[in-house]
């Protein structure tokens, strides 16, 4: 599929694959949520340093009371604001 990505006024045309029916689970595999259509990207410009830690929480008042489990993982998926149920399901 060809998509047009417009970021800060600059349009990019990209060839991507789509995935439908993907579900994600919390770290305990207790709560699940189905994601909308997913667009793939071979490499994402993120690393482990972008994964928030418990020490990062005080910087954002809206995350007060949220606890994070430390993880030694890579970033494999970014979930955007078009999946509003993620916050209610996993926090």
N, C-alpha and C. Protein backbone atom coordinates (compact mmCIF):
# COMPACT_ATOMS: atom_id res chain seq x y z
N UNK A 1 0.84 -1.17 0.00
CA UNK A 1 0.00 0.00 0.00
C UNK A 1 0.89 1.23 0.00
N UNK A 2 0.46 2.26 -0.67
CA UNK A 2 1.17 3.53 -0.66
C UNK A 2 0.43 4.50 0.25
N UNK A 3 1.17 5.13 1.15
CA UNK A 3 0.54 6.10 2.05
C UNK A 3 1.29 7.42 1.93
N UNK A 4 0.59 8.49 2.27
CA UNK A 4 1.19 9.82 2.29
C UNK A 4 1.24 10.26 3.74
N UNK A 5 2.42 10.52 4.24
CA UNK A 5 2.63 10.95 5.61
C UNK A 5 3.00 12.42 5.59
N UNK A 6 2.22 13.23 6.26
CA UNK A 6 2.46 14.67 6.30
C UNK A 6 2.88 15.04 7.71
N UNK A 7 4.15 15.37 7.88
CA UNK A 7 4.69 15.72 9.18
C UNK A 7 5.23 17.14 9.15
N UNK A 8 4.66 18.00 9.96
CA UNK A 8 5.07 19.40 10.06
C UNK A 8 5.12 20.06 8.68
N UNK A 9 4.10 19.78 7.88
CA UNK A 9 3.97 20.44 6.59
C UNK A 9 4.79 19.84 5.46
N UNK A 10 5.52 18.76 5.74
CA UNK A 10 6.33 18.12 4.71
C UNK A 10 5.72 16.75 4.40
N UNK A 11 5.32 16.55 3.16
CA UNK A 11 4.67 15.29 2.77
C UNK A 11 5.71 14.28 2.28
N UNK A 12 5.51 13.03 2.68
CA UNK A 12 6.37 11.93 2.25
C UNK A 12 5.46 10.82 1.74
N UNK A 13 5.77 10.25 0.59
CA UNK A 13 5.03 9.10 0.08
C UNK A 13 5.84 7.86 0.40
N UNK A 14 5.19 6.88 1.02
CA UNK A 14 5.87 5.68 1.48
C UNK A 14 5.14 4.43 1.00
N UNK A 15 5.91 3.40 0.68
CA UNK A 15 5.34 2.08 0.40
C UNK A 15 5.38 1.29 1.70
N UNK A 16 4.24 0.82 2.16
CA UNK A 16 4.14 0.12 3.44
C UNK A 16 3.24 -1.10 3.30
N UNK A 17 3.38 -2.00 4.26
CA UNK A 17 2.46 -3.12 4.39
C UNK A 17 1.50 -2.79 5.52
N UNK A 18 0.35 -3.42 5.52
CA UNK A 18 -0.60 -3.23 6.62
C UNK A 18 -0.86 -4.57 7.29
N UNK A 19 -1.20 -4.49 8.57
CA UNK A 19 -1.55 -5.67 9.36
C UNK A 19 -2.87 -5.36 10.04
N UNK A 20 -3.81 -6.29 9.98
CA UNK A 20 -5.09 -6.11 10.67
C UNK A 20 -5.30 -7.25 11.66
N UNK A 21 -6.03 -6.96 12.73
CA UNK A 21 -6.36 -7.98 13.72
C UNK A 21 -5.29 -8.18 14.78
N UNK A 22 -4.35 -7.26 14.92
CA UNK A 22 -3.28 -7.38 15.91
C UNK A 22 -3.80 -6.98 17.28
N UNK A 23 -3.47 -7.77 18.29
CA UNK A 23 -3.82 -7.45 19.67
C UNK A 23 -2.55 -7.27 20.47
N UNK A 24 -2.59 -6.39 21.47
CA UNK A 24 -1.49 -6.23 22.40
C UNK A 24 -2.01 -6.54 23.80
N UNK A 25 -1.08 -6.98 24.65
CA UNK A 25 -1.45 -7.34 26.03
C UNK A 25 -0.57 -6.58 27.00
N UNK A 26 -1.05 -6.47 28.24
CA UNK A 26 -0.21 -5.87 29.26
C UNK A 26 0.92 -6.86 29.60
N UNK A 27 1.85 -6.43 30.45
CA UNK A 27 3.02 -7.26 30.74
C UNK A 27 2.67 -8.56 31.45
N UNK A 28 1.48 -8.63 32.06
CA UNK A 28 1.05 -9.85 32.73
C UNK A 28 0.20 -10.74 31.83
N UNK A 29 -0.04 -10.29 30.60
CA UNK A 29 -0.91 -10.99 29.65
C UNK A 29 -2.32 -11.19 30.22
N UNK A 30 -2.78 -10.18 30.97
CA UNK A 30 -4.10 -10.25 31.57
C UNK A 30 -5.12 -9.45 30.77
N UNK A 31 -4.76 -8.22 30.41
CA UNK A 31 -5.64 -7.35 29.64
C UNK A 31 -5.15 -7.28 28.20
N UNK A 32 -6.10 -7.36 27.25
CA UNK A 32 -5.79 -7.30 25.82
C UNK A 32 -6.60 -6.19 25.18
N UNK A 33 -6.06 -5.63 24.10
CA UNK A 33 -6.81 -4.65 23.32
C UNK A 33 -6.46 -4.86 21.85
N UNK A 34 -7.49 -4.82 21.00
CA UNK A 34 -7.26 -4.97 19.57
C UNK A 34 -6.90 -3.62 18.98
N UNK A 35 -5.88 -3.61 18.15
CA UNK A 35 -5.43 -2.38 17.52
C UNK A 35 -6.10 -2.19 16.17
N UNK A 36 -6.24 -0.95 15.73
CA UNK A 36 -6.76 -0.72 14.37
C UNK A 36 -5.71 -1.15 13.36
N UNK A 37 -5.97 -0.93 12.10
CA UNK A 37 -5.02 -1.30 11.05
C UNK A 37 -3.65 -0.73 11.36
N UNK A 38 -2.62 -1.57 11.24
CA UNK A 38 -1.24 -1.20 11.54
C UNK A 38 -0.48 -0.98 10.24
N UNK A 39 0.34 0.06 10.21
CA UNK A 39 1.22 0.32 9.08
C UNK A 39 2.65 -0.01 9.51
N UNK A 40 3.35 -0.77 8.71
CA UNK A 40 4.69 -1.21 9.08
C UNK A 40 5.75 -0.20 8.67
N UNK A 41 6.87 -0.28 9.35
CA UNK A 41 8.06 0.50 9.01
C UNK A 41 9.25 -0.37 9.37
N UNK A 42 10.20 -0.49 8.45
CA UNK A 42 11.32 -1.40 8.68
C UNK A 42 12.14 -1.01 9.90
N UNK A 43 12.45 0.27 10.04
CA UNK A 43 13.22 0.75 11.18
C UNK A 43 12.51 1.94 11.80
N UNK A 44 12.49 1.95 13.14
CA UNK A 44 11.90 3.08 13.84
C UNK A 44 13.01 3.90 14.47
N UNK A 45 12.90 5.21 14.44
CA UNK A 45 13.96 6.06 15.00
C UNK A 45 13.85 6.18 16.52
N UNK A 46 13.81 5.04 17.22
CA UNK A 46 13.74 5.01 18.68
C UNK A 46 14.69 3.94 19.20
N UNK A 47 15.04 4.06 20.47
CA UNK A 47 15.91 3.07 21.10
C UNK A 47 15.44 2.84 22.53
N UNK A 48 16.16 2.00 23.27
CA UNK A 48 15.80 1.74 24.66
C UNK A 48 15.84 3.00 25.51
N UNK A 49 16.63 3.98 25.13
CA UNK A 49 16.70 5.22 25.91
C UNK A 49 15.39 6.01 25.85
N UNK A 50 14.52 5.70 24.89
CA UNK A 50 13.23 6.37 24.78
C UNK A 50 12.15 5.72 25.64
N UNK A 51 12.42 4.56 26.22
CA UNK A 51 11.45 3.86 27.06
C UNK A 51 11.43 4.54 28.43
N UNK A 52 10.28 5.06 28.87
CA UNK A 52 10.23 5.74 30.16
C UNK A 52 10.53 4.80 31.32
N UNK A 53 11.03 5.37 32.39
CA UNK A 53 11.31 4.61 33.62
C UNK A 53 10.53 5.24 34.76
N UNK A 54 10.54 4.58 35.90
CA UNK A 54 9.86 5.10 37.09
C UNK A 54 10.42 6.47 37.46
N UNK A 55 11.71 6.67 37.25
CA UNK A 55 12.32 7.96 37.57
C UNK A 55 11.81 9.08 36.68
N UNK A 56 11.28 8.75 35.51
CA UNK A 56 10.76 9.77 34.60
C UNK A 56 9.36 10.27 35.00
N UNK A 57 8.61 9.48 35.74
CA UNK A 57 7.21 9.78 36.05
C UNK A 57 7.00 11.15 36.67
N UNK A 58 7.79 11.59 37.66
CA UNK A 58 7.53 12.90 38.28
C UNK A 58 7.57 14.08 37.31
N UNK A 59 8.18 13.92 36.16
CA UNK A 59 8.25 15.02 35.19
C UNK A 59 6.90 15.29 34.53
N UNK A 60 5.96 14.35 34.60
CA UNK A 60 4.65 14.50 33.96
C UNK A 60 3.57 14.30 35.01
N UNK A 61 2.93 15.38 35.43
CA UNK A 61 1.95 15.32 36.51
C UNK A 61 0.76 14.43 36.16
N UNK A 62 0.39 14.32 34.88
CA UNK A 62 -0.75 13.49 34.52
C UNK A 62 -0.46 12.00 34.69
N UNK A 63 0.80 11.63 34.94
CA UNK A 63 1.15 10.23 35.19
C UNK A 63 1.33 9.93 36.67
N UNK A 64 0.95 10.89 37.53
CA UNK A 64 1.06 10.70 38.97
C UNK A 64 0.32 9.43 39.38
N UNK A 65 0.99 8.57 40.12
CA UNK A 65 0.39 7.33 40.58
C UNK A 65 0.62 6.15 39.65
N UNK A 66 1.19 6.37 38.49
CA UNK A 66 1.48 5.28 37.56
C UNK A 66 2.82 4.66 37.94
N UNK A 67 2.87 3.34 37.98
CA UNK A 67 4.14 2.68 38.23
C UNK A 67 4.53 1.89 36.98
N UNK A 68 5.81 1.87 36.71
CA UNK A 68 6.32 1.19 35.53
C UNK A 68 7.25 0.07 35.94
N UNK A 69 7.12 -1.05 35.29
CA UNK A 69 8.03 -2.15 35.51
C UNK A 69 9.24 -1.95 34.60
N UNK A 70 10.44 -2.14 35.16
CA UNK A 70 11.65 -2.05 34.35
C UNK A 70 11.65 -3.20 33.35
N UNK A 71 12.07 -2.91 32.14
CA UNK A 71 12.11 -3.93 31.10
C UNK A 71 13.39 -3.80 30.29
N UNK A 72 13.91 -4.91 29.86
CA UNK A 72 15.08 -4.93 28.99
C UNK A 72 14.59 -5.32 27.60
N UNK A 73 13.84 -4.42 26.97
CA UNK A 73 13.18 -4.70 25.70
C UNK A 73 13.56 -3.67 24.66
N UNK A 74 13.30 -4.00 23.43
CA UNK A 74 13.43 -3.07 22.33
C UNK A 74 12.05 -2.50 22.03
N UNK A 75 12.01 -1.33 21.41
CA UNK A 75 10.75 -0.75 20.98
C UNK A 75 10.37 -1.41 19.66
N UNK A 76 9.23 -2.10 19.65
CA UNK A 76 8.81 -2.82 18.46
C UNK A 76 7.52 -2.29 17.86
N UNK A 77 6.80 -1.46 18.64
CA UNK A 77 5.54 -0.92 18.15
C UNK A 77 5.30 0.42 18.82
N UNK A 78 4.80 1.37 18.07
CA UNK A 78 4.40 2.66 18.62
C UNK A 78 2.88 2.75 18.49
N UNK A 79 2.20 3.04 19.59
CA UNK A 79 0.75 3.14 19.58
C UNK A 79 0.40 4.62 19.69
N UNK A 80 -0.32 5.11 18.71
CA UNK A 80 -0.61 6.55 18.63
C UNK A 80 -1.93 6.89 19.33
N UNK A 81 -2.33 8.15 19.20
CA UNK A 81 -3.53 8.63 19.87
C UNK A 81 -4.82 8.14 19.22
N UNK A 82 -4.72 7.34 18.15
CA UNK A 82 -5.94 6.78 17.55
C UNK A 82 -6.35 5.49 18.25
N UNK A 83 -5.72 5.16 19.38
CA UNK A 83 -6.09 3.99 20.18
C UNK A 83 -6.31 4.46 21.62
N UNK A 84 -7.37 5.22 21.86
CA UNK A 84 -7.58 5.81 23.17
C UNK A 84 -7.82 4.79 24.28
N UNK A 85 -8.27 3.59 23.97
CA UNK A 85 -8.54 2.60 25.00
C UNK A 85 -7.32 2.03 25.66
N UNK A 86 -6.14 2.27 25.11
CA UNK A 86 -4.91 1.73 25.69
C UNK A 86 -4.71 2.26 27.10
N UNK A 87 -4.86 3.54 27.30
CA UNK A 87 -4.64 4.13 28.61
C UNK A 87 -5.60 3.55 29.65
N UNK A 88 -6.87 3.43 29.31
CA UNK A 88 -7.84 2.92 30.26
C UNK A 88 -7.61 1.44 30.54
N UNK A 89 -7.14 0.68 29.57
CA UNK A 89 -6.96 -0.76 29.73
C UNK A 89 -5.70 -1.10 30.49
N UNK A 90 -4.61 -0.40 30.22
CA UNK A 90 -3.32 -0.80 30.76
C UNK A 90 -2.80 0.01 31.92
N UNK A 91 -3.45 1.13 32.27
CA UNK A 91 -2.96 1.93 33.39
C UNK A 91 -3.92 1.79 34.55
